[in-house]
Protein backbone atom coordinates (compact mmCIF):
# COMPACT_ATOMS: atom_id res chain seq x y z
CA ALA A 1 -8.19 -12.96 -11.44
CA PRO A 2 -9.04 -10.41 -14.13
CA ARG A 3 -6.72 -7.51 -14.81
CA VAL A 4 -8.37 -4.10 -14.93
CA HIS A 5 -6.84 -1.68 -17.42
CA ALA A 6 -7.70 1.95 -16.84
CA HIS A 7 -6.69 4.61 -19.32
CA ALA A 8 -4.73 7.26 -17.52
CA ALA A 9 -5.17 10.98 -18.06
CA GLY A 10 -1.84 11.19 -19.84
CA GLY A 11 -2.88 8.68 -22.49
CA GLY A 12 -1.03 5.74 -20.97
CA VAL A 13 -2.46 2.60 -19.47
CA THR A 14 -2.28 1.80 -15.77
CA ARG A 15 -2.24 -1.78 -14.55
CA CYS A 16 -3.11 -1.88 -10.88
CA ALA A 17 -2.88 -4.74 -8.42
CA VAL A 18 -3.76 -4.88 -4.75
CA VAL A 19 -0.98 -5.62 -2.25
CA VAL A 20 -1.65 -6.85 1.28
CA PRO A 21 1.35 -7.49 3.57
CA THR A 22 0.50 -9.88 6.40
CA PHE A 23 2.11 -11.16 9.56
CA ASN A 24 -0.12 -13.43 11.63
CA ASN A 25 -3.51 -12.09 10.53
CA ALA A 26 -5.31 -15.44 10.25
CA GLY A 27 -8.50 -13.99 11.71
CA SER A 28 -8.92 -11.30 9.05
CA ILE A 29 -6.82 -12.05 5.96
CA GLY A 30 -9.42 -14.17 4.14
CA GLU A 31 -12.11 -11.51 4.44
CA VAL A 32 -9.69 -8.78 3.36
CA VAL A 33 -8.63 -10.77 0.28
CA ARG A 34 -12.21 -11.55 -0.73
CA GLY A 35 -13.17 -7.90 -0.31
CA CYS A 36 -10.26 -6.78 -2.49
CA LEU A 37 -11.00 -9.37 -5.17
CA ALA A 38 -14.50 -7.90 -5.48
CA SER A 39 -12.84 -4.89 -7.14
CA GLY A 40 -11.82 -7.08 -10.10
CA LEU A 41 -8.13 -6.43 -9.48
CA PRO A 42 -5.56 -9.15 -8.81
CA VAL A 43 -4.54 -9.46 -5.17
CA TYR A 44 -1.02 -10.24 -3.98
CA VAL A 45 -0.46 -11.09 -0.33
CA VAL A 46 3.07 -11.01 1.07
CA ASP A 47 3.19 -13.52 3.93
CA ASP A 48 5.99 -12.03 6.00
CA GLY A 49 6.98 -15.08 8.02
CA SER A 50 3.56 -15.81 9.55
CA SER A 51 3.29 -18.77 11.91
CA ASP A 52 -0.53 -18.93 11.99
CA GLY A 53 -1.33 -20.03 8.43
CA SER A 54 -2.11 -16.54 7.13
CA GLY A 55 -0.51 -17.28 3.77
CA THR A 56 -2.47 -20.50 3.30
CA LEU A 57 -5.73 -18.72 4.18
CA ALA A 58 -4.93 -15.89 1.76
CA ALA A 59 -4.29 -18.37 -1.06
CA ALA A 60 -7.53 -20.22 -0.25
CA ALA A 61 -9.37 -16.89 -0.51
CA GLY A 62 -7.95 -16.32 -4.01
CA ALA A 63 -4.79 -14.26 -3.55
CA THR A 64 -1.41 -14.89 -5.11
CA VAL A 65 0.89 -15.34 -2.12
CA LEU A 66 4.54 -14.26 -1.98
CA THR A 67 6.37 -15.65 1.04
CA HIS A 68 9.19 -14.49 3.29
CA PRO A 69 10.37 -17.54 5.26
CA GLU A 70 11.17 -15.24 8.20
CA ASN A 71 9.63 -11.97 9.33
CA ARG A 72 11.41 -9.06 7.66
CA GLY A 73 8.99 -6.26 8.42
CA LYS A 74 6.26 -4.46 6.53
CA GLY A 75 8.65 -2.24 4.59
CA GLN A 76 10.49 -5.22 3.13
CA ALA A 77 7.18 -6.98 2.41
CA LEU A 78 6.04 -3.98 0.37
CA LEU A 79 9.32 -3.84 -1.55
CA THR A 80 9.05 -7.57 -2.34
CA ALA A 81 5.57 -6.96 -3.73
CA PHE A 82 6.64 -3.92 -5.76
CA ARG A 83 9.46 -5.86 -7.43
CA HIS A 84 7.09 -8.70 -8.23
CA LEU A 85 4.52 -6.31 -9.71
CA VAL A 86 7.12 -4.74 -11.98
CA ALA A 87 8.16 -8.19 -13.20
CA SER A 88 4.54 -9.11 -13.87
CA GLY A 89 3.78 -5.94 -15.84
CA HIS A 90 1.84 -3.92 -13.27
CA THR A 91 2.33 -0.17 -12.97
CA HIS A 92 0.70 0.53 -9.60
CA ALA A 93 0.25 -1.10 -6.20
CA LEU A 94 -2.87 -0.39 -4.16
CA CYS A 95 -1.77 -1.28 -0.64
CA LEU A 96 -3.84 -1.91 2.44
CA ASP A 97 -3.38 -3.64 5.78
CA ALA A 98 -4.35 -7.23 6.53
CA ASP A 99 -5.95 -6.61 9.91
CA GLY A 100 -9.25 -5.34 8.54
CA GLN A 101 -8.81 -1.69 9.57
CA HIS A 102 -9.07 -0.55 5.92
CA ASP A 103 -12.23 -1.04 3.86
CA PRO A 104 -11.54 -3.06 0.67
CA GLY A 105 -14.61 -1.33 -0.74
CA ASP A 106 -12.41 1.77 -1.13
CA VAL A 107 -10.05 0.01 -3.58
CA PRO A 108 -11.98 1.21 -6.67
CA ALA A 109 -11.67 4.82 -5.48
CA PHE A 110 -7.88 4.41 -5.28
CA ALA A 111 -7.83 2.83 -8.76
CA ALA A 112 -9.82 5.76 -10.13
CA ALA A 113 -7.41 8.22 -8.50
CA VAL A 114 -4.48 6.39 -10.10
CA ALA A 115 -6.13 6.54 -13.54
CA ALA A 116 -6.69 10.29 -13.12
CA ASP A 117 -3.18 11.06 -11.79
CA PRO A 118 -0.86 8.09 -12.38
CA ALA A 119 2.37 9.92 -11.47
CA ALA A 120 1.27 10.61 -7.89
CA ILE A 121 1.34 8.64 -4.68
CA HIS A 122 -2.21 8.56 -3.33
CA ALA A 123 -2.25 8.40 0.47
CA GLY A 124 -5.29 7.43 2.53
CA VAL A 125 -6.40 9.57 5.44
CA ARG A 126 -7.75 7.85 8.54
CA ASP A 127 -10.53 9.24 10.71
CA LEU A 128 -8.85 9.27 14.12
CA ALA A 129 -11.55 11.22 15.93
CA SER A 130 -12.25 8.31 18.27
CA ALA A 131 -8.69 6.92 18.29
CA PRO A 132 -6.49 7.05 21.40
CA GLY A 133 -4.67 10.32 21.94
CA ILE A 134 -1.30 8.66 21.35
CA SER A 135 -2.39 7.70 17.81
CA ARG A 136 -3.49 11.25 17.01
CA PHE A 137 -0.25 12.63 18.48
CA GLY A 138 1.85 10.16 16.47
CA ARG A 139 0.25 11.23 13.22
CA ARG A 140 0.66 14.95 14.01
CA PHE A 141 4.30 14.41 15.00
CA SER A 142 5.11 12.46 11.84
CA ASN A 143 3.20 14.92 9.62
CA PHE A 144 5.12 17.80 11.21
CA TRP A 145 8.52 16.28 10.43
CA ILE A 146 7.57 15.55 6.84
CA TRP A 147 6.58 19.21 6.54
CA VAL A 148 9.92 20.31 8.09
CA GLU A 149 11.88 18.05 5.69
CA THR A 150 9.91 18.72 2.50
CA GLY A 151 7.78 21.85 2.94
CA TRP A 152 4.70 19.76 2.06
CA ARG A 153 1.76 19.20 4.38
CA VAL A 154 0.37 15.68 4.20
CA ALA A 155 -2.84 14.77 5.99
CA ASP A 156 -1.82 11.30 7.22
CA SER A 157 1.80 10.23 6.94
CA GLN A 158 1.19 6.89 8.66
CA CYS A 159 -1.88 5.44 6.93
CA GLY A 160 -1.08 2.17 5.16
CA PHE A 161 -3.90 2.48 2.60
CA ARG A 162 -2.08 3.91 -0.41
CA ALA A 163 -1.56 3.71 -4.15
CA TYR A 164 2.02 3.73 -5.43
CA PRO A 165 3.48 3.94 -8.94
CA VAL A 166 5.86 1.03 -8.44
CA LEU A 167 8.78 1.79 -10.77
CA PRO A 168 9.24 5.41 -9.61
CA VAL A 169 8.91 4.34 -5.97
CA LEU A 170 11.53 1.61 -6.36
CA ALA A 171 13.84 4.22 -7.94
CA LEU A 172 13.75 6.26 -4.70
CA GLY A 173 16.28 3.90 -3.07
CA LEU A 174 14.12 3.05 -0.08
CA GLY A 175 15.69 1.16 2.79
CA GLY A 176 13.06 1.34 5.51
CA ASN A 177 12.07 -1.76 7.41
CA ARG A 178 9.00 -2.34 9.52
CA TYR A 179 6.60 0.61 9.38
CA TYR A 180 9.26 3.27 8.75
CA LEU A 181 8.99 2.81 5.00
CA GLU A 182 5.57 4.48 4.94
CA VAL A 183 7.06 7.76 6.20
CA GLU A 184 10.32 7.35 4.25
CA VAL A 185 8.56 6.87 0.92
CA LEU A 186 6.58 10.11 1.30
CA THR A 187 9.67 12.08 2.31
CA ARG A 188 11.84 10.75 -0.50
CA ALA A 189 9.06 11.13 -3.07
CA LEU A 190 8.50 14.76 -2.09
CA TRP A 191 12.25 15.46 -2.17
CA ALA A 192 12.27 14.03 -5.69
CA GLY A 193 9.37 16.26 -6.76
CA ARG A 194 6.82 13.44 -7.03
CA PRO A 195 3.33 14.54 -6.02
CA VAL A 196 1.55 13.09 -3.02
CA ARG A 197 -2.24 13.34 -2.99
CA ASP A 198 -4.36 12.88 0.13
């Protein structure tokens, strides 16, 4: 797949790749990969121990697939991808979920945000107006505790559609497994003075 090089505001060059962690998303992974590839960016799928052929379907759709033989959780899948991106010369990971809840058509907007502000973490914000009350409460609760810990108000601390500068994020010493990493990375980044943009 072609690599898209965008000149960043600071004069450097960003090399973005799309990252899609998956665990048993056979019904949606192919469409997600094809949608992401339409952006012109390379797509890396981390098959986190799927038993339904998700990894095979992702590869057939055009993704490079990294495999965990056993399920280790979304946090570890993201860290595996970040390490691989560093080794392959990429500066940023544009991450979205494999279940189809995020629109791959928004990938170019994230890439443009990275080019404009490459030092920041760019965090998606979901429209939860029609979501169950427990989902809206969960986001408010998580957002509140990030504010308590960091003094920074984020709009959606739980959305998985994000752009990360991979080397600085790996330097944060993240340890979160499952979905906890998505809150941990914002908290640690803000503690370290790294900007987070909604």
